N, C-alpha and C. Protein backbone atom coordinates (compact mmCIF):
# COMPACT_ATOMS: atom_id res chain seq x y z
N MET A 1 52.89 -50.82 -22.26
CA MET A 1 53.82 -51.90 -21.99
C MET A 1 54.57 -51.64 -20.69
N ARG A 2 55.11 -50.43 -20.54
CA ARG A 2 55.86 -50.11 -19.33
C ARG A 2 54.97 -50.20 -18.09
N ARG A 3 53.73 -49.73 -18.22
CA ARG A 3 52.80 -49.77 -17.09
C ARG A 3 52.55 -51.22 -16.66
N ASN A 4 52.33 -52.12 -17.61
CA ASN A 4 52.11 -53.53 -17.28
C ASN A 4 53.31 -54.12 -16.56
N LYS A 5 54.51 -53.76 -17.01
CA LYS A 5 55.73 -54.26 -16.38
C LYS A 5 55.82 -53.77 -14.93
N LEU A 6 55.48 -52.51 -14.71
CA LEU A 6 55.50 -51.95 -13.36
C LEU A 6 54.49 -52.66 -12.47
N LEU A 7 53.28 -52.93 -13.00
CA LEU A 7 52.27 -53.62 -12.22
C LEU A 7 52.75 -55.02 -11.84
N CYS A 8 53.36 -55.72 -12.76
CA CYS A 8 53.88 -57.07 -12.47
C CYS A 8 54.93 -57.01 -11.37
N ASN A 9 55.86 -56.07 -11.48
CA ASN A 9 56.90 -55.94 -10.46
C ASN A 9 56.31 -55.61 -9.10
N THR A 10 55.32 -54.74 -9.08
CA THR A 10 54.69 -54.35 -7.83
C THR A 10 54.00 -55.55 -7.19
N ARG A 11 53.30 -56.34 -7.98
CA ARG A 11 52.61 -57.51 -7.45
C ARG A 11 53.60 -58.53 -6.90
N GLN A 12 54.70 -58.73 -7.60
CA GLN A 12 55.69 -59.69 -7.14
C GLN A 12 56.32 -59.26 -5.83
N GLU A 13 56.47 -57.97 -5.66
CA GLU A 13 57.13 -57.45 -4.47
C GLU A 13 56.17 -57.23 -3.31
N MET A 14 54.88 -57.34 -3.57
CA MET A 14 53.90 -57.08 -2.51
C MET A 14 54.10 -58.07 -1.37
N LYS A 15 54.15 -57.52 -0.21
CA LYS A 15 54.33 -58.33 1.00
C LYS A 15 53.02 -59.04 1.32
N LYS A 16 53.10 -60.31 1.64
CA LYS A 16 51.92 -61.09 1.99
C LYS A 16 51.56 -60.87 3.46
N GLY A 17 50.31 -61.04 3.75
CA GLY A 17 49.86 -60.96 5.14
C GLY A 17 50.34 -62.16 5.93
N VAL A 18 50.26 -62.05 7.25
CA VAL A 18 50.66 -63.12 8.16
C VAL A 18 49.42 -63.93 8.54
N LEU A 19 49.52 -65.25 8.45
CA LEU A 19 48.46 -66.14 8.92
C LEU A 19 48.75 -66.52 10.36
N THR A 20 47.79 -66.26 11.23
CA THR A 20 47.90 -66.67 12.64
C THR A 20 46.80 -67.68 12.91
N PHE A 21 47.18 -68.78 13.54
CA PHE A 21 46.21 -69.81 13.89
C PHE A 21 46.56 -70.40 15.25
N PHE A 22 45.68 -71.24 15.80
CA PHE A 22 45.74 -71.60 17.21
C PHE A 22 45.65 -73.09 17.46
N CYS A 23 46.34 -73.50 18.50
CA CYS A 23 46.29 -74.86 19.01
C CYS A 23 45.97 -74.78 20.50
N GLY A 24 45.10 -75.64 20.95
CA GLY A 24 44.75 -75.70 22.36
C GLY A 24 43.53 -76.57 22.52
N LYS A 25 43.44 -77.22 23.64
CA LYS A 25 42.30 -78.10 23.89
C LYS A 25 40.99 -77.31 23.84
N MET A 26 39.91 -78.03 23.67
CA MET A 26 38.58 -77.44 23.73
C MET A 26 38.46 -76.67 25.05
N GLY A 27 38.07 -75.40 24.98
CA GLY A 27 37.93 -74.60 26.19
C GLY A 27 39.20 -73.90 26.64
N ALA A 28 40.29 -74.03 25.90
CA ALA A 28 41.55 -73.40 26.31
C ALA A 28 41.55 -71.88 26.15
N GLY A 29 40.70 -71.39 25.27
CA GLY A 29 40.64 -69.94 25.05
C GLY A 29 41.07 -69.52 23.66
N LYS A 30 41.00 -70.43 22.69
CA LYS A 30 41.44 -70.12 21.33
C LYS A 30 40.58 -69.02 20.69
N THR A 31 39.27 -69.11 20.84
CA THR A 31 38.39 -68.11 20.23
C THR A 31 38.59 -66.74 20.86
N THR A 32 38.68 -66.70 22.17
CA THR A 32 38.91 -65.44 22.87
C THR A 32 40.22 -64.80 22.40
N LYS A 33 41.27 -65.62 22.32
CA LYS A 33 42.57 -65.11 21.89
C LYS A 33 42.54 -64.71 20.42
N SER A 34 41.80 -65.43 19.59
CA SER A 34 41.74 -65.08 18.17
C SER A 34 41.09 -63.71 17.97
N LEU A 35 40.08 -63.40 18.75
CA LEU A 35 39.44 -62.08 18.68
C LEU A 35 40.43 -60.99 19.08
N GLU A 36 41.14 -61.24 20.16
CA GLU A 36 42.14 -60.30 20.67
C GLU A 36 43.23 -60.05 19.62
N VAL A 37 43.79 -61.12 19.08
CA VAL A 37 44.88 -61.01 18.11
C VAL A 37 44.41 -60.33 16.83
N SER A 38 43.21 -60.66 16.38
CA SER A 38 42.71 -60.04 15.13
C SER A 38 42.56 -58.53 15.30
N GLN A 39 42.13 -58.09 16.47
CA GLN A 39 42.00 -56.65 16.72
C GLN A 39 43.38 -56.00 16.83
N GLU A 40 44.29 -56.64 17.57
CA GLU A 40 45.63 -56.08 17.73
C GLU A 40 46.36 -55.93 16.40
N ARG A 41 46.17 -56.88 15.51
CA ARG A 41 46.91 -56.91 14.24
C ARG A 41 46.13 -56.40 13.05
N ASN A 42 44.95 -55.86 13.33
CA ASN A 42 44.10 -55.35 12.25
C ASN A 42 43.95 -56.42 11.17
N ALA A 43 43.61 -57.62 11.59
CA ALA A 43 43.54 -58.78 10.70
C ALA A 43 42.09 -59.19 10.44
N VAL A 44 41.89 -59.85 9.31
CA VAL A 44 40.61 -60.45 9.01
C VAL A 44 40.50 -61.72 9.85
N LEU A 45 39.40 -61.87 10.57
CA LEU A 45 39.18 -63.05 11.41
C LEU A 45 38.24 -64.00 10.69
N LEU A 46 38.69 -65.24 10.51
CA LEU A 46 37.85 -66.29 9.95
C LEU A 46 37.60 -67.31 11.05
N SER A 47 36.36 -67.44 11.47
CA SER A 47 36.00 -68.32 12.58
C SER A 47 35.27 -69.55 12.04
N GLU A 48 35.85 -70.72 12.28
CA GLU A 48 35.22 -71.96 11.83
C GLU A 48 33.83 -72.11 12.46
N ASP A 49 33.71 -71.87 13.75
CA ASP A 49 32.41 -72.02 14.42
C ASP A 49 31.35 -71.13 13.79
N GLU A 50 31.70 -69.88 13.48
CA GLU A 50 30.73 -68.97 12.89
C GLU A 50 30.32 -69.42 11.48
N TRP A 51 31.31 -69.83 10.69
CA TRP A 51 31.00 -70.29 9.34
C TRP A 51 30.15 -71.55 9.37
N LEU A 52 30.51 -72.51 10.23
CA LEU A 52 29.73 -73.74 10.32
C LEU A 52 28.29 -73.46 10.74
N ALA A 53 28.12 -72.58 11.73
CA ALA A 53 26.77 -72.24 12.20
C ALA A 53 25.95 -71.55 11.12
N SER A 54 26.62 -70.75 10.30
CA SER A 54 25.93 -70.01 9.25
C SER A 54 25.61 -70.89 8.03
N VAL A 55 26.57 -71.68 7.59
CA VAL A 55 26.40 -72.48 6.38
C VAL A 55 25.62 -73.77 6.66
N TYR A 56 25.83 -74.35 7.83
CA TYR A 56 25.17 -75.61 8.20
C TYR A 56 24.43 -75.46 9.53
N PRO A 57 23.42 -74.58 9.59
CA PRO A 57 22.74 -74.32 10.87
C PRO A 57 22.11 -75.59 11.45
N ASP A 58 22.29 -75.76 12.74
CA ASP A 58 21.70 -76.87 13.49
C ASP A 58 22.07 -78.26 12.96
N SER A 59 23.20 -78.35 12.27
CA SER A 59 23.60 -79.64 11.68
C SER A 59 24.62 -80.39 12.51
N ILE A 60 25.28 -79.71 13.43
CA ILE A 60 26.37 -80.36 14.17
C ILE A 60 25.91 -80.73 15.57
N LYS A 61 25.73 -82.02 15.73
CA LYS A 61 25.29 -82.56 17.03
C LYS A 61 26.33 -83.51 17.63
N THR A 62 27.20 -84.05 16.76
CA THR A 62 28.18 -85.04 17.21
C THR A 62 29.56 -84.68 16.65
N LEU A 63 30.57 -85.36 17.15
CA LEU A 63 31.92 -85.18 16.62
C LEU A 63 31.97 -85.57 15.14
N GLU A 64 31.26 -86.61 14.77
CA GLU A 64 31.22 -87.05 13.37
C GLU A 64 30.61 -85.97 12.48
N ASP A 65 29.54 -85.31 12.98
CA ASP A 65 28.94 -84.20 12.22
C ASP A 65 29.95 -83.09 12.01
N TYR A 66 30.67 -82.75 13.08
CA TYR A 66 31.69 -81.70 12.98
C TYR A 66 32.72 -82.05 11.91
N VAL A 67 33.25 -83.26 11.95
CA VAL A 67 34.27 -83.67 10.99
C VAL A 67 33.73 -83.57 9.56
N LYS A 68 32.50 -84.02 9.36
CA LYS A 68 31.87 -84.00 8.03
C LYS A 68 31.72 -82.57 7.51
N TYR A 69 31.12 -81.70 8.30
CA TYR A 69 30.83 -80.34 7.82
C TYR A 69 32.08 -79.46 7.79
N ALA A 70 32.98 -79.63 8.72
CA ALA A 70 34.24 -78.87 8.69
C ALA A 70 35.04 -79.24 7.44
N GLY A 71 35.01 -80.51 7.09
CA GLY A 71 35.70 -80.96 5.88
C GLY A 71 35.13 -80.32 4.62
N ARG A 72 33.84 -80.11 4.58
CA ARG A 72 33.20 -79.46 3.43
C ARG A 72 33.55 -77.98 3.34
N LEU A 73 33.75 -77.38 4.49
CA LEU A 73 34.03 -75.94 4.56
C LEU A 73 35.47 -75.59 4.19
N LYS A 74 36.40 -76.48 4.49
CA LYS A 74 37.83 -76.17 4.38
C LYS A 74 38.31 -75.73 3.00
N PRO A 75 37.90 -76.36 1.90
CA PRO A 75 38.43 -75.91 0.60
C PRO A 75 38.15 -74.43 0.30
N GLN A 76 36.94 -73.99 0.61
CA GLN A 76 36.60 -72.59 0.35
C GLN A 76 37.29 -71.65 1.33
N MET A 77 37.42 -72.07 2.59
CA MET A 77 38.10 -71.24 3.58
C MET A 77 39.58 -71.08 3.21
N LYS A 78 40.17 -72.13 2.69
CA LYS A 78 41.57 -72.07 2.27
C LYS A 78 41.74 -71.05 1.15
N LYS A 79 40.87 -71.12 0.13
CA LYS A 79 40.94 -70.17 -0.99
C LYS A 79 40.75 -68.73 -0.49
N LEU A 80 39.78 -68.55 0.40
CA LEU A 80 39.50 -67.22 0.92
C LEU A 80 40.70 -66.68 1.70
N ALA A 81 41.24 -67.49 2.60
CA ALA A 81 42.39 -67.05 3.40
C ALA A 81 43.58 -66.74 2.51
N GLN A 82 43.85 -67.58 1.52
CA GLN A 82 44.99 -67.35 0.64
C GLN A 82 44.81 -66.07 -0.17
N SER A 83 43.61 -65.81 -0.60
CA SER A 83 43.33 -64.58 -1.36
C SER A 83 43.58 -63.34 -0.49
N ILE A 84 43.13 -63.39 0.74
CA ILE A 84 43.31 -62.26 1.65
C ILE A 84 44.80 -62.08 1.97
N LEU A 85 45.49 -63.17 2.28
CA LEU A 85 46.93 -63.10 2.58
C LEU A 85 47.71 -62.56 1.39
N ALA A 86 47.37 -63.01 0.19
CA ALA A 86 48.08 -62.57 -1.02
C ALA A 86 47.91 -61.07 -1.25
N SER A 87 46.82 -60.50 -0.72
CA SER A 87 46.59 -59.06 -0.89
C SER A 87 47.42 -58.23 0.09
N GLY A 88 48.11 -58.92 1.01
CA GLY A 88 48.93 -58.22 1.99
C GLY A 88 48.24 -58.00 3.32
N THR A 89 47.07 -58.57 3.48
CA THR A 89 46.30 -58.40 4.71
C THR A 89 46.51 -59.60 5.64
N ASN A 90 46.67 -59.33 6.92
CA ASN A 90 46.83 -60.39 7.92
C ASN A 90 45.51 -61.14 8.10
N VAL A 91 45.62 -62.43 8.37
CA VAL A 91 44.46 -63.28 8.61
C VAL A 91 44.66 -64.05 9.91
N VAL A 92 43.62 -64.05 10.74
CA VAL A 92 43.59 -64.88 11.94
C VAL A 92 42.53 -65.94 11.68
N MET A 93 42.95 -67.20 11.75
CA MET A 93 42.01 -68.30 11.54
C MET A 93 41.72 -68.97 12.88
N ASP A 94 40.48 -68.84 13.31
CA ASP A 94 40.03 -69.53 14.51
C ASP A 94 39.51 -70.90 14.07
N PHE A 95 40.44 -71.69 13.57
CA PHE A 95 40.23 -73.07 13.16
C PHE A 95 41.20 -73.89 14.00
N PRO A 96 40.80 -75.03 14.55
CA PRO A 96 41.72 -75.76 15.42
C PRO A 96 42.93 -76.32 14.69
N ALA A 97 44.06 -76.22 15.36
CA ALA A 97 45.31 -76.84 14.90
C ALA A 97 45.73 -77.85 15.96
N ASN A 98 44.77 -78.68 16.35
CA ASN A 98 44.93 -79.55 17.52
C ASN A 98 45.43 -80.95 17.20
N THR A 99 45.50 -81.28 15.93
CA THR A 99 46.01 -82.58 15.52
C THR A 99 47.02 -82.35 14.39
N ILE A 100 47.81 -83.34 14.13
CA ILE A 100 48.80 -83.22 13.05
C ILE A 100 48.10 -83.00 11.70
N PRO A 101 47.03 -83.73 11.36
CA PRO A 101 46.35 -83.46 10.08
C PRO A 101 45.76 -82.04 10.00
N GLN A 102 45.22 -81.52 11.10
CA GLN A 102 44.70 -80.15 11.08
C GLN A 102 45.83 -79.17 10.82
N ARG A 103 46.97 -79.39 11.47
CA ARG A 103 48.12 -78.49 11.26
C ARG A 103 48.66 -78.61 9.84
N LYS A 104 48.63 -79.82 9.29
CA LYS A 104 49.07 -80.02 7.91
C LYS A 104 48.21 -79.19 6.96
N TRP A 105 46.90 -79.19 7.18
CA TRP A 105 46.00 -78.40 6.35
C TRP A 105 46.30 -76.91 6.49
N LEU A 106 46.47 -76.44 7.72
CA LEU A 106 46.78 -75.03 7.94
C LEU A 106 48.13 -74.67 7.32
N ARG A 107 49.10 -75.58 7.37
CA ARG A 107 50.38 -75.33 6.71
C ARG A 107 50.16 -75.10 5.21
N SER A 108 49.28 -75.89 4.60
CA SER A 108 49.04 -75.73 3.16
C SER A 108 48.47 -74.35 2.85
N VAL A 109 47.69 -73.80 3.77
CA VAL A 109 47.10 -72.48 3.55
C VAL A 109 48.19 -71.44 3.34
N PHE A 110 49.19 -71.40 4.23
CA PHE A 110 50.23 -70.37 4.11
C PHE A 110 51.38 -70.78 3.20
N SER A 111 51.75 -72.05 3.19
CA SER A 111 52.96 -72.45 2.44
C SER A 111 52.75 -72.41 0.93
N GLU A 112 51.56 -72.72 0.47
CA GLU A 112 51.30 -72.72 -0.97
C GLU A 112 51.46 -71.34 -1.59
N ILE A 113 51.28 -70.30 -0.78
CA ILE A 113 51.46 -68.94 -1.31
C ILE A 113 52.66 -68.24 -0.67
N GLN A 114 53.43 -69.01 0.08
CA GLN A 114 54.65 -68.51 0.73
C GLN A 114 54.39 -67.29 1.61
N ALA A 115 53.37 -67.40 2.44
CA ALA A 115 53.04 -66.33 3.40
C ALA A 115 53.64 -66.68 4.75
N PRO A 116 54.00 -65.68 5.54
CA PRO A 116 54.48 -65.95 6.90
C PRO A 116 53.33 -66.43 7.78
N HIS A 117 53.70 -67.06 8.91
CA HIS A 117 52.67 -67.59 9.80
C HIS A 117 53.13 -67.54 11.25
N GLU A 118 52.15 -67.73 12.13
CA GLU A 118 52.42 -67.91 13.56
C GLU A 118 51.37 -68.87 14.10
N LEU A 119 51.83 -69.88 14.80
CA LEU A 119 50.96 -70.82 15.50
C LEU A 119 51.02 -70.47 16.98
N ILE A 120 49.88 -70.08 17.53
CA ILE A 120 49.81 -69.76 18.96
C ILE A 120 49.22 -70.98 19.67
N TYR A 121 50.03 -71.56 20.54
CA TYR A 121 49.62 -72.74 21.32
C TYR A 121 49.22 -72.28 22.71
N ILE A 122 47.94 -72.47 23.03
CA ILE A 122 47.41 -72.11 24.35
C ILE A 122 47.37 -73.38 25.18
N ASP A 123 48.33 -73.49 26.07
CA ASP A 123 48.53 -74.70 26.88
C ASP A 123 47.85 -74.52 28.24
N GLN A 124 46.68 -75.11 28.38
CA GLN A 124 45.91 -75.01 29.62
C GLN A 124 45.63 -76.41 30.17
N PRO A 125 45.61 -76.56 31.49
CA PRO A 125 45.27 -77.87 32.06
C PRO A 125 43.78 -78.19 31.83
N ASN A 126 43.48 -79.47 31.87
CA ASN A 126 42.10 -79.93 31.63
C ASN A 126 41.08 -79.25 32.53
N ASP A 127 41.40 -79.08 33.82
CA ASP A 127 40.41 -78.49 34.73
C ASP A 127 40.08 -77.05 34.34
N THR A 128 41.05 -76.29 33.88
CA THR A 128 40.79 -74.92 33.41
C THR A 128 39.90 -74.94 32.18
N CYS A 129 40.19 -75.84 31.25
CA CYS A 129 39.38 -75.96 30.03
C CYS A 129 37.94 -76.32 30.37
N LEU A 130 37.77 -77.26 31.28
CA LEU A 130 36.41 -77.68 31.67
C LEU A 130 35.65 -76.54 32.36
N GLU A 131 36.34 -75.76 33.19
CA GLU A 131 35.70 -74.60 33.82
C GLU A 131 35.24 -73.60 32.76
N GLN A 132 36.09 -73.36 31.77
CA GLN A 132 35.74 -72.40 30.71
C GLN A 132 34.63 -72.93 29.82
N ILE A 133 34.59 -74.23 29.59
CA ILE A 133 33.50 -74.83 28.81
C ILE A 133 32.17 -74.67 29.56
N ALA A 134 32.17 -74.90 30.87
CA ALA A 134 30.95 -74.74 31.68
C ALA A 134 30.47 -73.29 31.63
N LYS A 135 31.39 -72.36 31.72
CA LYS A 135 31.05 -70.93 31.66
C LYS A 135 30.45 -70.60 30.28
N ARG A 136 31.08 -71.10 29.22
CA ARG A 136 30.60 -70.85 27.85
C ARG A 136 29.21 -71.44 27.66
N ARG A 137 28.99 -72.62 28.20
CA ARG A 137 27.68 -73.29 28.08
C ARG A 137 26.60 -72.43 28.74
N ALA A 138 26.93 -71.82 29.88
CA ALA A 138 25.96 -70.97 30.58
C ALA A 138 25.71 -69.67 29.80
N GLU A 139 26.76 -69.13 29.20
CA GLU A 139 26.64 -67.86 28.45
C GLU A 139 26.03 -68.05 27.07
N GLN A 140 26.20 -69.24 26.49
CA GLN A 140 25.71 -69.53 25.14
C GLN A 140 24.90 -70.82 25.17
N PRO A 141 23.64 -70.76 25.64
CA PRO A 141 22.82 -71.97 25.81
C PRO A 141 22.70 -72.81 24.53
N GLN A 142 22.84 -72.19 23.36
CA GLN A 142 22.74 -72.94 22.11
C GLN A 142 23.88 -73.96 21.96
N ARG A 143 24.93 -73.80 22.78
CA ARG A 143 26.06 -74.73 22.71
C ARG A 143 25.99 -75.81 23.80
N ALA A 144 24.92 -75.82 24.57
CA ALA A 144 24.80 -76.75 25.69
C ALA A 144 24.88 -78.22 25.27
N ALA A 145 24.39 -78.54 24.09
CA ALA A 145 24.38 -79.93 23.64
C ALA A 145 25.78 -80.43 23.29
N THR A 146 26.63 -79.54 22.80
CA THR A 146 27.97 -79.98 22.35
C THR A 146 29.08 -79.59 23.32
N ASP A 147 28.90 -78.56 24.10
CA ASP A 147 29.94 -78.12 25.04
C ASP A 147 29.76 -78.83 26.37
N THR A 148 30.13 -80.09 26.39
CA THR A 148 29.95 -80.92 27.58
C THR A 148 31.28 -81.54 27.97
N GLU A 149 31.32 -82.06 29.20
CA GLU A 149 32.52 -82.75 29.66
C GLU A 149 32.76 -84.00 28.82
N GLU A 150 31.69 -84.67 28.42
CA GLU A 150 31.82 -85.87 27.59
C GLU A 150 32.44 -85.53 26.23
N MET A 151 31.98 -84.43 25.63
CA MET A 151 32.53 -84.01 24.34
C MET A 151 33.99 -83.60 24.50
N PHE A 152 34.30 -82.91 25.60
CA PHE A 152 35.69 -82.54 25.87
C PHE A 152 36.57 -83.79 25.92
N GLU A 153 36.13 -84.80 26.65
CA GLU A 153 36.90 -86.05 26.77
C GLU A 153 37.07 -86.72 25.41
N GLN A 154 36.00 -86.74 24.63
CA GLN A 154 36.03 -87.37 23.31
C GLN A 154 37.02 -86.65 22.39
N ILE A 155 36.98 -85.33 22.38
CA ILE A 155 37.84 -84.54 21.50
C ILE A 155 39.29 -84.55 21.98
N THR A 156 39.48 -84.47 23.29
CA THR A 156 40.83 -84.40 23.86
C THR A 156 41.64 -85.66 23.57
N LYS A 157 40.98 -86.78 23.33
CA LYS A 157 41.69 -88.02 22.98
C LYS A 157 42.55 -87.83 21.72
N TYR A 158 42.14 -86.91 20.85
CA TYR A 158 42.84 -86.71 19.58
C TYR A 158 43.85 -85.57 19.63
N PHE A 159 43.86 -84.83 20.73
CA PHE A 159 44.74 -83.66 20.83
C PHE A 159 46.21 -84.07 20.83
N VAL A 160 47.00 -83.36 20.01
CA VAL A 160 48.45 -83.56 19.95
C VAL A 160 49.10 -82.18 19.99
N ALA A 161 49.84 -81.91 21.04
CA ALA A 161 50.52 -80.61 21.16
C ALA A 161 51.55 -80.48 20.04
N PRO A 162 51.74 -79.27 19.53
CA PRO A 162 52.74 -79.08 18.47
C PRO A 162 54.16 -79.24 19.03
N THR A 163 55.05 -79.71 18.19
CA THR A 163 56.44 -79.88 18.58
C THR A 163 57.34 -79.08 17.65
N PRO A 164 58.51 -78.69 18.13
CA PRO A 164 59.42 -77.89 17.29
C PRO A 164 59.78 -78.57 15.96
N ASP A 165 59.84 -79.89 15.94
CA ASP A 165 60.23 -80.59 14.71
C ASP A 165 59.17 -80.48 13.61
N GLU A 166 57.97 -79.98 13.93
CA GLU A 166 56.97 -79.75 12.89
C GLU A 166 57.31 -78.51 12.05
N GLY A 167 58.19 -77.67 12.56
CA GLY A 167 58.67 -76.54 11.78
C GLY A 167 57.79 -75.31 11.76
N PHE A 168 56.90 -75.16 12.71
CA PHE A 168 56.05 -73.97 12.78
C PHE A 168 56.72 -72.88 13.61
N ASN A 169 56.35 -71.64 13.36
CA ASN A 169 56.74 -70.52 14.21
C ASN A 169 55.73 -70.50 15.36
N ILE A 170 56.13 -71.06 16.50
CA ILE A 170 55.19 -71.28 17.61
C ILE A 170 55.41 -70.28 18.74
N THR A 171 54.31 -69.72 19.21
CA THR A 171 54.28 -68.92 20.42
C THR A 171 53.45 -69.70 21.42
N VAL A 172 53.98 -69.95 22.61
CA VAL A 172 53.26 -70.72 23.62
C VAL A 172 52.72 -69.77 24.69
N ILE A 173 51.45 -69.93 25.00
CA ILE A 173 50.82 -69.23 26.12
C ILE A 173 50.40 -70.32 27.08
N SER A 174 50.95 -70.31 28.28
CA SER A 174 50.64 -71.39 29.22
C SER A 174 50.03 -70.83 30.51
N ALA A 175 49.42 -71.73 31.23
CA ALA A 175 48.81 -71.37 32.51
C ALA A 175 49.85 -70.85 33.50
N ASN A 176 51.09 -71.26 33.30
CA ASN A 176 52.18 -70.86 34.20
C ASN A 176 52.87 -69.57 33.78
N GLY A 177 52.32 -68.89 32.80
CA GLY A 177 52.96 -67.64 32.41
C GLY A 177 53.01 -67.54 30.98
């Protein structure tokens, strides 16, 4: 009986891991930064692009395909991230937080289990993003069909920068410093 009580107290007092996630236009450097942050913080990295490519290989050709398959992936990714955070391990999610609905979903990941969070906003001008997309297309030919200026324009129409009134713990990384 005493042992069970001690285990319950220990679990209740266990510190939750920190969820870190990113906002920035296509090509801003979210994936690069997520790798960096996951290594610095000894965190589990969950990459939407990697999961989508693995679970739905060769299925994403359009923005509509992305929305469809990303939506299917999210419930399991949420459970996985929450389980890892609840164990006290930090999680870096390389999932976009580029729209209010995307941020709302990411908020549910940490808020439902009362875990701390950080939203890193990578604020880059369009020309920098387009240069990085061109470089990525050259380095990763399998992304040539989707990493285009046209796709950037299509996706950027939906981009909404985070604002303080959304209530996130935001760190801004900008081209100006």
